[in-house]
C-alpha cells in the first residue's frame, strides 16, 4: 500500500483513484520491463516499482493525456 505520497493527493493529480490505479500500474510495468532489459533484478534506487511510479506521478514526471 502506498502511504507516501498520499493516495488522495495523487488521485487529485490524475482525476480519480481509478485513473491513478491504471496509470501507476502501467508505469510500474514499464519500470520493471526497463530494468529487466538492462539485466537488473531490482530498480536502481531499490524502490518498489509501484512506489517509484507514485513518486514520478507526484513529481509530475508522468502525465495523463486524453486521446
PDB file of N, CA and C in Angstrom:
ATOM      1  N   UNK A   1       0.841  -1.182   0.000  1.00  0.00           N
ATOM      2  CA  UNK A   1       0.000   0.000   0.000  1.00  0.00           C
ATOM      3  C   UNK A   1       0.882   1.240   0.000  1.00  0.00           C
ATOM      4  N   UNK A   2       0.494   2.203  -0.775  1.00  0.00           N
ATOM      5  CA  UNK A   2       1.262   3.441  -0.885  1.00  0.00           C
ATOM      6  C   UNK A   2       0.806   4.399   0.206  1.00  0.00           C
ATOM      7  N   UNK A   3       1.728   4.824   1.035  1.00  0.00           N
ATOM      8  CA  UNK A   3       1.417   5.800   2.069  1.00  0.00           C
ATOM      9  C   UNK A   3       2.048   7.151   1.779  1.00  0.00           C
ATOM     10  N   UNK A   4       3.188   7.113   1.151  1.00  0.00           N
ATOM     11  CA  UNK A   4       3.863   8.350   0.829  1.00  0.00           C
ATOM     12  C   UNK A   4       4.335   8.260  -0.604  1.00  0.00           C
ATOM     13  N   UNK A   5       3.857   9.052  -1.495  1.00  0.00           N
ATOM     14  CA  UNK A   5       2.943  10.178  -1.364  1.00  0.00           C
ATOM     15  C   UNK A   5       1.505   9.724  -1.111  1.00  0.00           C
ATOM     16  N   UNK A   6       0.705  10.590  -0.466  1.00  0.00           N
ATOM     17  CA  UNK A   6      -0.680  10.233  -0.134  1.00  0.00           C
ATOM     18  C   UNK A   6      -1.521   9.920  -1.376  1.00  0.00           C
ATOM     19  N   UNK A   7      -2.308   8.882  -1.278  1.00  0.00           N
ATOM     20  CA  UNK A   7      -3.124   8.438  -2.410  1.00  0.00           C
ATOM     21  C   UNK A   7      -4.117   9.507  -2.845  1.00  0.00           C
ATOM     22  N   UNK A   8      -4.748  10.177  -1.899  1.00  0.00           N
ATOM     23  CA  UNK A   8      -5.728  11.210  -2.267  1.00  0.00           C
ATOM     24  C   UNK A   8      -5.077  12.337  -3.053  1.00  0.00           C
ATOM     25  N   UNK A   9      -3.860  12.701  -2.682  1.00  0.00           N
ATOM     26  CA  UNK A   9      -3.132  13.745  -3.398  1.00  0.00           C
ATOM     27  C   UNK A   9      -2.847  13.310  -4.836  1.00  0.00           C
ATOM     28  N   UNK A  10      -2.404  12.076  -4.985  1.00  0.00           N
ATOM     29  CA  UNK A  10      -2.116  11.551  -6.315  1.00  0.00           C
ATOM     30  C   UNK A  10      -3.377  11.441  -7.160  1.00  0.00           C
ATOM     31  N   UNK A  11      -4.477  11.003  -6.541  1.00  0.00           N
ATOM     32  CA  UNK A  11      -5.739  10.862  -7.265  1.00  0.00           C
ATOM     33  C   UNK A  11      -6.219  12.213  -7.782  1.00  0.00           C
ATOM     34  N   UNK A  12      -6.014  13.264  -7.002  1.00  0.00           N
ATOM     35  CA  UNK A  12      -6.393  14.599  -7.455  1.00  0.00           C
ATOM     36  C   UNK A  12      -5.567  15.040  -8.656  1.00  0.00           C
ATOM     37  N   UNK A  13      -4.315  14.620  -8.724  1.00  0.00           N
ATOM     38  CA  UNK A  13      -3.458  14.991  -9.853  1.00  0.00           C
ATOM     39  C   UNK A  13      -3.908  14.347 -11.153  1.00  0.00           C
ATOM     40  N   UNK A  14      -4.398  13.098 -11.076  1.00  0.00           N
ATOM     41  CA  UNK A  14      -4.760  12.383 -12.294  1.00  0.00           C
ATOM     42  C   UNK A  14      -6.260  12.325 -12.557  1.00  0.00           C
ATOM     43  N   UNK A  15      -7.073  12.715 -11.589  1.00  0.00           N
ATOM     44  CA  UNK A  15      -8.510  12.780 -11.822  1.00  0.00           C
ATOM     45  C   UNK A  15      -9.356  11.876 -10.956  1.00  0.00           C
ATOM     46  N   UNK A  16      -8.877  10.686 -10.658  1.00  0.00           N
ATOM     47  CA  UNK A  16      -9.652   9.767  -9.820  1.00  0.00           C
ATOM     48  C   UNK A  16      -8.748   8.647  -9.312  1.00  0.00           C
ATOM     49  N   UNK A  17      -9.236   7.922  -8.334  1.00  0.00           N
ATOM     50  CA  UNK A  17      -8.470   6.790  -7.808  1.00  0.00           C
ATOM     51  C   UNK A  17      -8.371   5.673  -8.844  1.00  0.00           C
ATOM     52  N   UNK A  18      -9.400   5.529  -9.659  1.00  0.00           N
ATOM     53  CA  UNK A  18      -9.357   4.520 -10.716  1.00  0.00           C
ATOM     54  C   UNK A  18      -8.257   4.857 -11.721  1.00  0.00           C
ATOM     55  N   UNK A  19      -8.222   6.114 -12.154  1.00  0.00           N
ATOM     56  CA  UNK A  19      -7.188   6.540 -13.099  1.00  0.00           C
ATOM     57  C   UNK A  19      -5.806   6.372 -12.489  1.00  0.00           C
ATOM     58  N   UNK A  20      -5.668   6.691 -11.213  1.00  0.00           N
ATOM     59  CA  UNK A  20      -4.394   6.525 -10.526  1.00  0.00           C
ATOM     60  C   UNK A  20      -3.948   5.076 -10.564  1.00  0.00           C
ATOM     61  N   UNK A  21      -4.850   4.163 -10.323  1.00  0.00           N
ATOM     62  CA  UNK A  21      -4.540   2.739 -10.330  1.00  0.00           C
ATOM     63  C   UNK A  21      -4.033   2.299 -11.702  1.00  0.00           C
ATOM     64  N   UNK A  22      -4.717   2.722 -12.733  1.00  0.00           N
ATOM     65  CA  UNK A  22      -4.347   2.330 -14.097  1.00  0.00           C
ATOM     66  C   UNK A  22      -2.999   2.933 -14.479  1.00  0.00           C
ATOM     67  N   UNK A  23      -2.830   4.221 -14.226  1.00  0.00           N
ATOM     68  CA  UNK A  23      -1.598   4.908 -14.623  1.00  0.00           C
ATOM     69  C   UNK A  23      -0.401   4.388 -13.844  1.00  0.00           C
ATOM     70  N   UNK A  24      -0.546   4.242 -12.545  1.00  0.00           N
ATOM     71  CA  UNK A  24       0.567   3.777 -11.716  1.00  0.00           C
ATOM     72  C   UNK A  24       0.957   2.342 -12.077  1.00  0.00           C
ATOM     73  N   UNK A  25      -0.028   1.500 -12.339  1.00  0.00           N
ATOM     74  CA  UNK A  25       0.303   0.106 -12.674  1.00  0.00           C
ATOM     75  C   UNK A  25       0.992   0.014 -14.033  1.00  0.00           C
ATOM     76  N   UNK A  26       0.559   0.818 -15.002  1.00  0.00           N
ATOM     77  CA  UNK A  26       1.206   0.811 -16.317  1.00  0.00           C
ATOM     78  C   UNK A  26       2.643   1.318 -16.214  1.00  0.00           C
ATOM     79  N   UNK A  27       2.839   2.384 -15.431  1.00  0.00           N
ATOM     80  CA  UNK A  27       4.189   2.923 -15.272  1.00  0.00           C
ATOM     81  C   UNK A  27       5.084   1.935 -14.516  1.00  0.00           C
ATOM     82  N   UNK A  28       4.551   1.278 -13.507  1.00  0.00           N
ATOM     83  CA  UNK A  28       5.320   0.289 -12.761  1.00  0.00           C
ATOM     84  C   UNK A  28       5.759  -0.849 -13.690  1.00  0.00           C
ATOM     85  N   UNK A  29       4.881  -1.284 -14.560  1.00  0.00           N
ATOM     86  CA  UNK A  29       5.214  -2.341 -15.522  1.00  0.00           C
ATOM     87  C   UNK A  29       6.321  -1.867 -16.455  1.00  0.00           C
ATOM     88  N   UNK A  30       6.270  -0.608 -16.896  1.00  0.00           N
ATOM     89  CA  UNK A  30       7.330  -0.063 -17.746  1.00  0.00           C
ATOM     90  C   UNK A  30       8.669  -0.073 -17.018  1.00  0.00           C
ATOM     91  N   UNK A  31       8.655   0.315 -15.749  1.00  0.00           N
ATOM     92  CA  UNK A  31       9.888   0.340 -14.959  1.00  0.00           C
ATOM     93  C   UNK A  31      10.472  -1.061 -14.800  1.00  0.00           C
ATOM     94  N   UNK A  32       9.607  -2.041 -14.552  1.00  0.00           N
ATOM     95  CA  UNK A  32      10.053  -3.427 -14.411  1.00  0.00           C
ATOM     96  C   UNK A  32      10.657  -3.920 -15.721  1.00  0.00           C
ATOM     97  N   UNK A  33       9.966  -3.672 -16.827  1.00  0.00           N
ATOM     98  CA  UNK A  33      10.458  -4.122 -18.127  1.00  0.00           C
ATOM     99  C   UNK A  33      11.799  -3.474 -18.470  1.00  0.00           C
ATOM    100  N   UNK A  34      11.930  -2.195 -18.186  1.00  0.00           N
ATOM    101  CA  UNK A  34      13.178  -1.486 -18.467  1.00  0.00           C
ATOM    102  C   UNK A  34      14.335  -2.055 -17.647  1.00  0.00           C
ATOM    103  N   UNK A  35      14.082  -2.312 -16.374  1.00  0.00           N
ATOM    104  CA  UNK A  35      15.120  -2.883 -15.511  1.00  0.00           C
ATOM    105  C   UNK A  35      15.525  -4.274 -16.006  1.00  0.00           C
ATOM    106  N   UNK A  36      14.553  -5.066 -16.397  1.00  0.00           N
ATOM    107  CA  UNK A  36      14.851  -6.423 -16.878  1.00  0.00           C
ATOM    108  C   UNK A  36      15.626  -6.383 -18.194  1.00  0.00           C
ATOM    109  N   UNK A  37      15.311  -5.427 -19.055  1.00  0.00           N
ATOM    110  CA  UNK A  37      16.040  -5.292 -20.317  1.00  0.00           C
ATOM    111  C   UNK A  37      17.499  -4.924 -20.094  1.00  0.00           C
ATOM    112  N   UNK A  38      17.776  -4.272 -18.977  1.00  0.00           N
ATOM    113  CA  UNK A  38      19.152  -3.909 -18.644  1.00  0.00           C
ATOM    114  C   UNK A  38      19.839  -5.009 -17.830  1.00  0.00           C
ATOM    115  N   UNK A  39      19.151  -6.086 -17.595  1.00  0.00           N
ATOM    116  CA  UNK A  39      19.720  -7.214 -16.869  1.00  0.00           C
ATOM    117  C   UNK A  39      19.693  -7.047 -15.360  1.00  0.00           C
ATOM    118  N   UNK A  40      18.848  -6.162 -14.865  1.00  0.00           N
ATOM    119  CA  UNK A  40      18.741  -5.919 -13.427  1.00  0.00           C
ATOM    120  C   UNK A  40      17.554  -6.688 -12.860  1.00  0.00           C
ATOM    121  N   UNK A  41      17.662  -7.083 -11.607  1.00  0.00           N
ATOM    122  CA  UNK A  41      16.535  -7.752 -10.963  1.00  0.00           C
ATOM    123  C   UNK A  41      15.700  -6.767 -10.147  1.00  0.00           C
ATOM    124  N   UNK A  42      16.297  -5.650  -9.751  1.00  0.00           N
ATOM    125  CA  UNK A  42      15.599  -4.603  -8.997  1.00  0.00           C
ATOM    126  C   UNK A  42      15.796  -3.267  -9.698  1.00  0.00           C
ATOM    127  N   UNK A  43      15.010  -2.285  -9.295  1.00  0.00           N
ATOM    128  CA  UNK A  43      15.218  -0.937  -9.801  1.00  0.00           C
ATOM    129  C   UNK A  43      16.518  -0.388  -9.220  1.00  0.00           C
ATOM    130  N   UNK A  44      17.194   0.491  -9.936  1.00  0.00           N
ATOM    131  CA  UNK A  44      18.476   1.009  -9.459  1.00  0.00           C
ATOM    132  C   UNK A  44      18.418   1.677  -8.083  1.00  0.00           C
ATOM    133  N   UNK A  45      17.308   2.337  -7.749  1.00  0.00           N
ATOM    134  CA  UNK A  45      17.218   3.043  -6.469  1.00  0.00           C
ATOM    135  C   UNK A  45      16.610   2.190  -5.364  1.00  0.00           C
ATOM    136  N   UNK A  46      16.360   0.906  -5.640  1.00  0.00           N
ATOM    137  CA  UNK A  46      15.855  -0.071  -4.669  1.00  0.00           C
ATOM    138  C   UNK A  46      14.420   0.180  -4.203  1.00  0.00           C
ATOM    139  N   UNK A  47      13.711   1.135  -4.808  1.00  0.00           N
ATOM    140  CA  UNK A  47      12.282   1.309  -4.515  1.00  0.00           C
ATOM    141  C   UNK A  47      11.504   0.204  -5.215  1.00  0.00           C
ATOM    142  N   UNK A  48      10.335  -0.072  -4.694  1.00  0.00           N
ATOM    143  CA  UNK A  48       9.438  -0.981  -5.392  1.00  0.00           C
ATOM    144  C   UNK A  48       8.890  -0.241  -6.610  1.00  0.00           C
ATOM    145  N   UNK A  49       8.569  -0.960  -7.683  1.00  0.00           N
ATOM    146  CA  UNK A  49       8.117  -0.300  -8.910  1.00  0.00           C
ATOM    147  C   UNK A  49       6.870   0.573  -8.711  1.00  0.00           C
ATOM    148  N   UNK A  50       5.913   0.119  -7.929  1.00  0.00           N
ATOM    149  CA  UNK A  50       4.704   0.909  -7.722  1.00  0.00           C
ATOM    150  C   UNK A  50       5.001   2.179  -6.923  1.00  0.00           C
ATOM    151  N   UNK A  51       5.893   2.079  -5.958  1.00  0.00           N
ATOM    152  CA  UNK A  51       6.286   3.257  -5.187  1.00  0.00           C
ATOM    153  C   UNK A  51       6.987   4.258  -6.095  1.00  0.00           C
ATOM    154  N   UNK A  52       7.881   3.776  -6.939  1.00  0.00           N
ATOM    155  CA  UNK A  52       8.589   4.660  -7.866  1.00  0.00           C
ATOM    156  C   UNK A  52       7.611   5.324  -8.837  1.00  0.00           C
ATOM    157  N   UNK A  53       6.623   4.576  -9.307  1.00  0.00           N
ATOM    158  CA  UNK A  53       5.611   5.148 -10.195  1.00  0.00           C
ATOM    159  C   UNK A  53       4.825   6.242  -9.477  1.00  0.00           C
ATOM    160  N   UNK A  54       4.460   6.034  -8.223  1.00  0.00           N
ATOM    161  CA  UNK A  54       3.720   7.032  -7.449  1.00  0.00           C
ATOM    162  C   UNK A  54       4.558   8.287  -7.246  1.00  0.00           C
ATOM    163  N   UNK A  55       5.838   8.109  -6.975  1.00  0.00           N
ATOM    164  CA  UNK A  55       6.723   9.265  -6.801  1.00  0.00           C
ATOM    165  C   UNK A  55       6.824  10.055  -8.102  1.00  0.00           C
ATOM    166  N   UNK A  56       6.930   9.357  -9.220  1.00  0.00           N
ATOM    167  CA  UNK A  56       7.002  10.029 -10.517  1.00  0.00           C
ATOM    168  C   UNK A  56       5.714  10.791 -10.825  1.00  0.00           C
ATOM    169  N   UNK A  57       4.577  10.236 -10.460  1.00  0.00           N
ATOM    170  CA  UNK A  57       3.302  10.932 -10.658  1.00  0.00           C
ATOM    171  C   UNK A  57       3.261  12.188  -9.805  1.00  0.00           C
ATOM    172  N   UNK A  58       3.691  12.076  -8.556  1.00  0.00           N
ATOM    173  CA  UNK A  58       3.687  13.227  -7.656  1.00  0.00           C
ATOM    174  C   UNK A  58       4.607  14.331  -8.172  1.00  0.00           C
ATOM    175  N   UNK A  59       5.763  13.962  -8.693  1.00  0.00           N
ATOM    176  CA  UNK A  59       6.724  14.945  -9.173  1.00  0.00           C
ATOM    177  C   UNK A  59       6.365  15.512 -10.540  1.00  0.00           C
ATOM    178  N   UNK A  60       5.334  14.971 -11.163  1.00  0.00           N
ATOM    179  CA  UNK A  60       4.911  15.470 -12.463  1.00  0.00           C
ATOM    180  C   UNK A  60       5.690  14.878 -13.633  1.00  0.00           C
ATOM    181  N   UNK A  61       6.474  13.840 -13.381  1.00  0.00           N
ATOM    182  CA  UNK A  61       7.233  13.198 -14.447  1.00  0.00           C
ATOM    183  C   UNK A  61       6.351  12.310 -15.319  1.00  0.00           C
ATOM    184  N   UNK A  62       5.236  11.865 -14.767  1.00  0.00           N
ATOM    185  CA  UNK A  62       4.259  11.063 -15.509  1.00  0.00           C
ATOM    186  C   UNK A  62       3.001  11.904 -15.614  1.00  0.00           C
ATOM    187  N   UNK A  63       2.558  12.116 -16.823  1.00  0.00           N
ATOM    188  CA  UNK A  63       1.364  12.929 -17.037  1.00  0.00           C
ATOM    189  C   UNK A  63       0.290  12.109 -17.730  1.00  0.00           C
ATOM    190  N   UNK A  64      -0.918  12.595 -17.658  1.00  0.00           N
ATOM    191  CA  UNK A  64      -2.057  11.920 -18.270  1.00  0.00           C
ATOM    192  C   UNK A  64      -2.488  12.713 -19.487  1.00  0.00           C
ATOM    193  N   UNK A  65      -2.657  12.020 -20.593  1.00  0.00           N
ATOM    194  CA  UNK A  65      -3.172  12.678 -21.781  1.00  0.00           C
ATOM    195  C   UNK A  65      -4.416  11.928 -22.244  1.00  0.00           C
ATOM    196  N   UNK A  66      -5.411  12.673 -22.598  1.00  0.00           N
ATOM    197  CA  UNK A  66      -6.647  12.051 -23.097  1.00  0.00           C
ATOM    198  C   UNK A  66      -6.535  11.922 -24.595  1.00  0.00           C
ATOM    199  N   UNK A  67      -7.001  10.803 -25.105  1.00  0.00           N
ATOM    200  CA  UNK A  67      -6.889  10.566 -26.537  1.00  0.00           C
ATOM    201  C   UNK A  67      -8.196  10.689 -27.224  1.00  0.00           C
TER     202      UNK A  67
END
